[in-house]
Structure formats: structure tokens, C-alpha cells
Amino acid sequence: MRYRLASLGAAVAVAGSVIACAPAAASAQSDAGASAAPPRQCEPLKNGTVCITLLQSPQRIRVTYNKTGGSAVTARVGYRSNQTSTVKWDSTWYTVFAGQSITRTWNVSYPCDRKWIGALQINDGRTFETAGADC
């Protein structure tokens, strides 16, 4: 597993999964060759959007926060299933400015008998969640 932080051209590799903090336009990723878009749910916020995507082959969960306006915030992303209230949070907090995003991908297998919810936590205690995505 690897962590990748991409902000202002800097990248850091650490044991774990993939994390990216980059300008929102640069964070767009395509699933070229895929016949159908992977399951995805987004929640519009006042100054951005938080999304969860269920990637397949191999199974992974990706949560992205795109900040589109307002002042900088310190935030982290996570996910949970609709069968629990406990969120699996990324342990790293990021300062995100308008035009930047946080993307975290967890290399986990997810059962398709439940919905998966993306979460955003701001360090002032506010939490936002997406609707549930399912297989």
C-alpha cells in the first residue's frame, strides 16, 4: 500500500494507500477502458463537493473532497457502510484551499449487500456525508 501526496508538485510515498491533495482540475481521474462508470455518490456542499466511488478490479473505495470556494479548511476524508456509524477516517489532516482537492483510496474489499458512504470531517467538528453508493 502507498500514500501519495501531490500538492504544488510535491509527492511523498509512505506505506498505506493513495492520498492526493492537488488542484481540483488536476485530480480528475478516468477509468479508461471501463465499460460502465463505477458506482459513485456525491454530496454538494456550500464550498465544494464530497464524493465516494466504489472502484472494481481490484475493489477499492475512493473518497474525494473538491473545494471550490471559501477560505481554507483543515479536513480529512473517510468512509463507512450504512450498517455502522463508525467512520474509517484517514489519519492525516490536510489544509485545503479553493481549487484544491483531497483524494484518499483505500485498498479494501467491500461487500455489495450494503451501501457505502463517503465522509468529510472539518477540524472545527463539522462532518458531511454522501448518500450511499452500492455495487
Protein backbone atom coordinates (compact mmCIF):
# COMPACT_ATOMS: atom_id res chain seq x y z
CA MET A 1 0.00 0.00 0.00
CA ARG A 2 1.23 3.52 -0.76
CA TYR A 3 0.36 7.08 0.24
CA ARG A 4 0.86 9.78 -2.34
CA LEU A 5 0.57 13.47 -1.57
CA ALA A 6 0.57 15.66 -4.65
CA SER A 7 0.36 19.35 -3.91
CA LEU A 8 2.40 22.01 -5.65
CA GLY A 9 4.32 19.25 -7.38
CA ALA A 10 5.47 17.50 -4.19
CA ALA A 11 4.95 13.76 -3.80
CA VAL A 12 5.56 11.57 -0.79
CA ALA A 13 5.45 7.74 -0.76
CA VAL A 14 4.55 6.09 2.54
CA ALA A 15 3.26 2.62 3.40
CA GLY A 16 -0.53 2.59 3.01
CA SER A 17 -2.95 3.63 0.29
CA VAL A 18 -3.11 6.52 -2.14
CA ILE A 19 -3.77 10.06 -0.90
CA ALA A 20 -3.68 13.10 -3.12
CA CYS A 21 -4.12 16.77 -2.38
CA ALA A 22 -3.95 18.71 -5.61
CA PRO A 23 -5.74 21.36 -7.65
CA ALA A 24 -9.23 20.03 -8.39
CA ALA A 25 -8.74 20.17 -12.15
CA ALA A 26 -5.59 18.07 -11.88
CA SER A 27 -7.24 15.45 -9.68
CA ALA A 28 -9.74 14.25 -12.28
CA GLN A 29 -9.10 10.59 -12.96
CA SER A 30 -10.57 8.49 -15.73
CA ASP A 31 -11.24 4.81 -15.76
CA ALA A 32 -10.20 4.38 -19.39
CA GLY A 33 -11.34 1.15 -20.93
CA ALA A 34 -14.12 0.64 -18.40
CA SER A 35 -17.47 -0.20 -19.99
CA ALA A 36 -19.51 1.46 -17.25
CA ALA A 37 -18.74 4.13 -14.70
CA PRO A 38 -18.06 2.75 -11.23
CA PRO A 39 -20.76 3.33 -8.58
CA ARG A 40 -20.42 6.90 -7.27
CA GLN A 41 -22.35 9.25 -4.97
CA CYS A 42 -21.61 12.94 -4.43
CA GLU A 43 -22.89 15.46 -1.93
CA PRO A 44 -22.78 19.15 -2.90
CA LEU A 45 -21.61 21.46 -0.14
CA LYS A 46 -21.61 25.27 0.14
CA ASN A 47 -17.95 25.48 -0.95
CA GLY A 48 -17.29 22.12 -2.59
CA THR A 49 -18.33 18.54 -3.12
CA VAL A 50 -17.57 15.26 -1.34
CA CYS A 51 -17.83 12.02 -3.37
CA ILE A 52 -17.43 8.29 -2.81
CA THR A 53 -16.55 5.95 -5.67
CA LEU A 54 -16.55 2.15 -5.46
CA LEU A 55 -13.74 1.01 -7.74
CA GLN A 56 -13.53 -2.54 -9.03
CA SER A 57 -10.84 -4.94 -10.29
CA PRO A 58 -9.43 -4.77 -7.67
CA GLN A 59 -12.01 -3.45 -5.24
CA ARG A 60 -11.10 -0.11 -3.66
CA ILE A 61 -13.02 2.73 -2.02
CA ARG A 62 -12.14 6.27 -3.08
CA VAL A 63 -13.36 9.41 -1.29
CA THR A 64 -12.70 12.84 -2.79
CA TYR A 65 -13.33 16.33 -1.45
CA ASN A 66 -13.14 19.09 -4.09
CA LYS A 67 -13.05 22.58 -2.55
CA THR A 68 -14.50 25.17 -4.92
CA GLY A 69 -14.63 28.33 -2.82
CA GLY A 70 -14.39 29.96 0.57
CA SER A 71 -11.44 30.20 2.92
CA ALA A 72 -9.00 27.36 3.55
CA VAL A 73 -10.10 24.49 5.81
CA THR A 74 -8.25 21.70 7.55
CA ALA A 75 -10.03 18.46 6.74
CA ARG A 76 -9.82 14.72 6.31
CA VAL A 77 -11.94 12.15 4.49
CA GLY A 78 -13.25 8.71 5.37
CA TYR A 79 -15.94 6.15 4.65
CA ARG A 80 -18.38 3.81 6.39
CA SER A 81 -21.09 1.34 5.49
CA ASN A 82 -24.76 2.04 6.11
CA GLN A 83 -24.66 -0.76 8.71
CA THR A 84 -22.41 1.17 11.11
CA SER A 85 -22.00 4.72 12.38
CA THR A 86 -18.23 4.28 12.78
CA VAL A 87 -16.25 6.08 10.07
CA LYS A 88 -12.87 4.76 8.90
CA TRP A 89 -11.04 8.12 8.85
CA ASP A 90 -7.81 8.91 7.08
CA SER A 91 -5.34 9.66 9.87
CA THR A 92 -3.92 12.71 8.04
CA TRP A 93 -5.47 16.18 8.15
CA TYR A 94 -4.92 18.46 5.13
CA THR A 95 -5.21 22.21 4.71
CA VAL A 96 -7.28 22.63 1.55
CA PHE A 97 -7.68 25.88 -0.38
CA ALA A 98 -10.30 26.72 -3.03
CA GLY A 99 -9.39 24.92 -6.24
CA GLN A 100 -7.71 22.00 -4.42
CA SER A 101 -8.91 18.54 -3.50
CA ILE A 102 -8.21 15.65 -1.17
CA THR A 103 -8.44 12.13 -2.60
CA ARG A 104 -7.95 9.02 -0.48
CA THR A 105 -8.18 5.49 -1.87
CA TRP A 106 -8.44 2.50 0.46
CA ASN A 107 -7.43 -0.89 -0.91
CA VAL A 108 -10.26 -2.86 0.71
CA SER A 109 -12.77 -5.43 -0.44
CA TYR A 110 -16.32 -4.27 0.16
CA PRO A 111 -19.42 -6.46 0.37
CA CYS A 112 -22.17 -5.48 -2.06
CA ASP A 113 -25.00 -6.24 0.38
CA ARG A 114 -24.74 -2.74 1.87
CA LYS A 115 -24.32 0.88 0.83
CA TRP A 116 -21.03 2.76 1.27
CA ILE A 117 -20.98 6.36 2.47
CA GLY A 118 -18.20 8.91 1.94
CA ALA A 119 -17.44 11.34 4.76
CA LEU A 120 -15.66 14.67 5.18
CA GLN A 121 -14.63 16.00 8.58
CA ILE A 122 -13.57 19.60 9.14
CA ASN A 123 -11.33 20.21 12.16
CA ASP A 124 -13.98 22.50 13.71
CA GLY A 125 -16.12 19.40 14.30
CA ARG A 126 -18.44 19.56 11.28
CA THR A 127 -18.97 16.30 9.37
CA PHE A 128 -20.60 15.84 5.97
CA GLU A 129 -21.61 12.57 4.32
CA THR A 130 -22.65 11.38 0.87
CA ALA A 131 -25.67 9.27 0.07
CA GLY A 132 -24.85 5.57 -0.06
CA ALA A 133 -23.25 4.02 -3.14
CA ASP A 134 -23.75 0.34 -3.85
CA CYS A 135 -22.42 -2.24 -6.30
